[in-house]
Amino acid sequence: MAPIAVGDSLPEGTVAYFDENDQLQQASVHSLVAGKKVVLFGVPGAFTPTCSTKHVPGFIEKSGDLKAKGVNDILLISVNDPFVMKAWSKTYPENKDVKFLADGSAAYTHALGLELDLSEKGLGIRSKRFALLVDNLKVVVANIESGGEFTVSSAEDILKAL
């Protein structure tokens, strides 16, 4: 399957997350994105070095700048279960704007065409690192990394595109 690209519509799919009342929720991606300008960014895994020290902190730090440029929501997706994503989110007590979404079976990552097979490293199927700017379900920026690199999918890269 070809990776999602500029001009494509986001596919429908379901993700899981814990809400502000600590209740596990299942939500359709379309319900989270329709009618809004959002950043959807993905990482290979929770608690992994680049994801935890660079990628996620960058979006947390730049969330105010992104919102000032018209972004309604910042959504993080990873091929992890919702309990892992909840625990990971708690390591960023300063976070007020990035929603941590779980794609436990990689079904949504597959629908995006962004799987990364890390089986040889004992990590199974994960997600490529990416950042999408989406306006009412249409992809307007698709910054997709090769392998585990971190060169085009930062918060700063999305800000430049805005």
Protein backbone atom coordinates (compact mmCIF):
# COMPACT_ATOMS: atom_id res chain seq x y z
CA MET A 1 0.00 0.00 0.00
CA ALA A 2 1.29 3.44 -0.90
CA PRO A 3 1.88 5.80 2.02
CA ILE A 4 -0.61 8.58 2.64
CA ALA A 5 0.28 11.68 0.65
CA VAL A 6 -0.65 15.33 0.20
CA GLY A 7 -4.16 15.58 -1.25
CA ASP A 8 -5.30 12.26 0.21
CA SER A 9 -8.15 12.00 2.68
CA LEU A 10 -7.37 10.40 6.01
CA PRO A 11 -8.73 6.87 6.09
CA GLU A 12 -11.30 6.01 8.72
CA GLY A 13 -10.14 3.90 11.62
CA THR A 14 -10.39 3.51 15.35
CA VAL A 15 -7.89 4.51 18.03
CA ALA A 16 -8.00 4.32 21.82
CA TYR A 17 -7.08 6.81 24.53
CA PHE A 18 -7.78 7.71 28.13
CA ASP A 19 -9.92 10.82 28.54
CA GLU A 20 -9.56 13.54 31.16
CA ASN A 21 -11.69 11.43 33.55
CA ASP A 22 -9.30 8.51 33.17
CA GLN A 23 -11.85 6.51 31.20
CA LEU A 24 -10.74 4.36 28.28
CA GLN A 25 -12.30 5.62 25.06
CA GLN A 26 -12.47 4.23 21.54
CA ALA A 27 -12.83 6.89 18.87
CA SER A 28 -13.00 7.06 15.13
CA VAL A 29 -10.20 9.09 13.63
CA HIS A 30 -12.74 10.95 11.53
CA SER A 31 -14.61 12.04 14.67
CA LEU A 32 -11.36 13.48 16.04
CA VAL A 33 -10.34 15.26 12.83
CA ALA A 34 -13.42 16.22 10.78
CA GLY A 35 -13.98 19.96 10.48
CA LYS A 36 -10.65 20.81 12.11
CA LYS A 37 -7.07 21.62 11.28
CA VAL A 38 -4.95 19.04 13.12
CA VAL A 39 -1.44 17.74 13.32
CA LEU A 40 -1.33 13.95 13.40
CA PHE A 41 2.14 12.72 14.17
CA GLY A 42 3.36 9.19 14.63
CA VAL A 43 6.33 7.61 16.30
CA PRO A 44 7.84 4.10 16.28
CA GLY A 45 7.15 3.54 19.95
CA ALA A 46 6.43 4.87 23.41
CA PHE A 47 9.41 5.37 25.69
CA THR A 48 11.88 4.99 22.81
CA PRO A 49 14.83 7.43 22.85
CA THR A 50 14.21 9.80 19.92
CA CYS A 51 10.46 9.72 20.40
CA SER A 52 10.69 10.50 24.11
CA THR A 53 13.47 13.08 24.11
CA LYS A 54 12.95 14.93 20.82
CA HIS A 55 9.80 14.23 18.82
CA VAL A 56 7.09 14.38 21.51
CA PRO A 57 8.73 17.16 23.57
CA GLY A 58 9.01 19.28 20.43
CA PHE A 59 5.27 19.14 19.81
CA ILE A 60 4.53 19.85 23.47
CA GLU A 61 6.90 22.85 23.49
CA LYS A 62 5.57 24.23 20.19
CA SER A 63 1.88 23.52 20.85
CA GLY A 64 1.13 27.18 21.58
CA ASP A 65 2.81 28.27 18.35
CA LEU A 66 0.91 25.64 16.38
CA LYS A 67 -2.40 26.69 17.90
CA ALA A 68 -1.59 30.35 17.20
CA LYS A 69 -1.28 29.39 13.52
CA GLY A 70 -4.74 27.78 13.46
CA VAL A 71 -4.10 24.19 14.53
CA ASN A 72 -7.05 22.96 16.59
CA ASP A 73 -5.61 19.68 17.89
CA ILE A 74 -2.30 17.85 18.08
CA LEU A 75 -2.70 14.08 17.95
CA LEU A 76 0.10 11.59 18.62
CA ILE A 77 -0.36 8.01 17.46
CA SER A 78 1.82 5.02 18.21
CA VAL A 79 1.58 1.26 17.84
CA ASN A 80 1.22 0.67 21.56
CA ASP A 81 -1.71 -0.24 23.77
CA PRO A 82 -3.70 2.55 25.47
CA PHE A 83 -2.29 1.71 28.91
CA VAL A 84 1.27 2.25 27.66
CA MET A 85 0.24 5.48 25.95
CA LYS A 86 -1.41 6.68 29.19
CA ALA A 87 1.74 5.89 31.20
CA TRP A 88 3.90 7.61 28.58
CA SER A 89 1.72 10.73 28.60
CA LYS A 90 2.19 11.03 32.36
CA THR A 91 5.94 11.49 31.84
CA TYR A 92 5.12 14.91 30.34
CA PRO A 93 3.32 16.74 33.20
CA GLU A 94 3.66 20.03 31.30
CA ASN A 95 1.60 18.66 28.38
CA LYS A 96 -1.80 20.28 27.93
CA ASP A 97 -2.31 19.97 24.19
CA VAL A 98 -0.97 16.69 22.75
CA LYS A 99 -3.47 13.80 22.83
CA PHE A 100 -1.82 10.37 23.07
CA LEU A 101 -3.65 7.84 20.86
CA ALA A 102 -3.08 4.09 20.80
CA ASP A 103 -3.08 1.97 17.65
CA GLY A 104 -2.39 -1.28 19.47
CA SER A 105 -2.68 -3.66 16.54
CA ALA A 106 -1.21 -1.24 13.96
CA ALA A 107 -4.48 -1.35 11.99
CA TYR A 108 -4.62 2.43 11.54
CA THR A 109 -0.90 2.66 10.83
CA HIS A 110 -1.45 0.06 8.10
CA ALA A 111 -4.38 2.07 6.69
CA LEU A 112 -2.02 5.05 6.44
CA GLY A 113 0.57 2.89 4.65
CA LEU A 114 3.16 3.84 7.27
CA GLU A 115 4.16 0.53 8.84
CA LEU A 116 7.77 -0.02 9.80
CA ASP A 117 8.86 -3.61 10.30
CA LEU A 118 11.30 -3.71 13.19
CA SER A 119 10.97 -7.46 13.75
CA GLU A 120 14.70 -8.00 13.29
CA LYS A 121 15.24 -5.75 16.33
CA GLY A 122 12.58 -7.61 18.34
CA LEU A 123 10.08 -4.73 18.12
CA GLY A 124 7.57 -6.13 15.60
CA ILE A 125 5.49 -3.91 13.36
CA ARG A 126 5.67 -0.26 14.33
CA SER A 127 4.99 3.07 12.67
CA LYS A 128 7.33 5.14 10.59
CA ARG A 129 8.00 8.50 12.18
CA PHE A 130 5.78 11.09 10.50
CA ALA A 131 3.91 14.35 10.87
CA LEU A 132 0.80 15.16 8.87
CA LEU A 133 -0.99 18.49 8.72
CA VAL A 134 -4.63 17.72 8.03
CA ASP A 135 -7.40 20.19 7.24
CA ASN A 136 -10.92 18.74 7.45
CA LEU A 137 -9.65 15.21 6.73
CA LYS A 138 -7.45 16.27 3.77
CA VAL A 139 -3.68 15.91 4.08
CA VAL A 140 -2.02 19.24 3.25
CA VAL A 141 1.49 18.35 4.51
CA ALA A 142 2.93 14.83 4.71
CA ASN A 143 6.37 14.71 6.31
CA ILE A 144 7.31 11.03 6.42
CA GLU A 145 10.66 9.76 7.62
CA SER A 146 12.71 6.95 6.18
CA GLY A 147 13.24 4.18 8.71
CA GLY A 148 13.80 5.59 12.19
CA GLU A 149 15.24 8.93 11.10
CA PHE A 150 14.17 12.28 12.57
CA THR A 151 14.81 14.87 9.87
CA VAL A 152 11.46 16.14 8.50
CA SER A 153 8.71 15.37 11.02
CA SER A 154 9.38 17.78 13.87
CA ALA A 155 7.04 20.43 15.23
CA GLU A 156 9.37 23.02 13.70
CA ASP A 157 8.92 21.42 10.26
CA ILE A 158 5.13 21.67 10.59
CA LEU A 159 5.38 25.27 11.79
CA LYS A 160 7.42 26.14 8.70
CA ALA A 161 4.67 24.64 6.52
CA LEU A 162 2.01 26.77 8.19
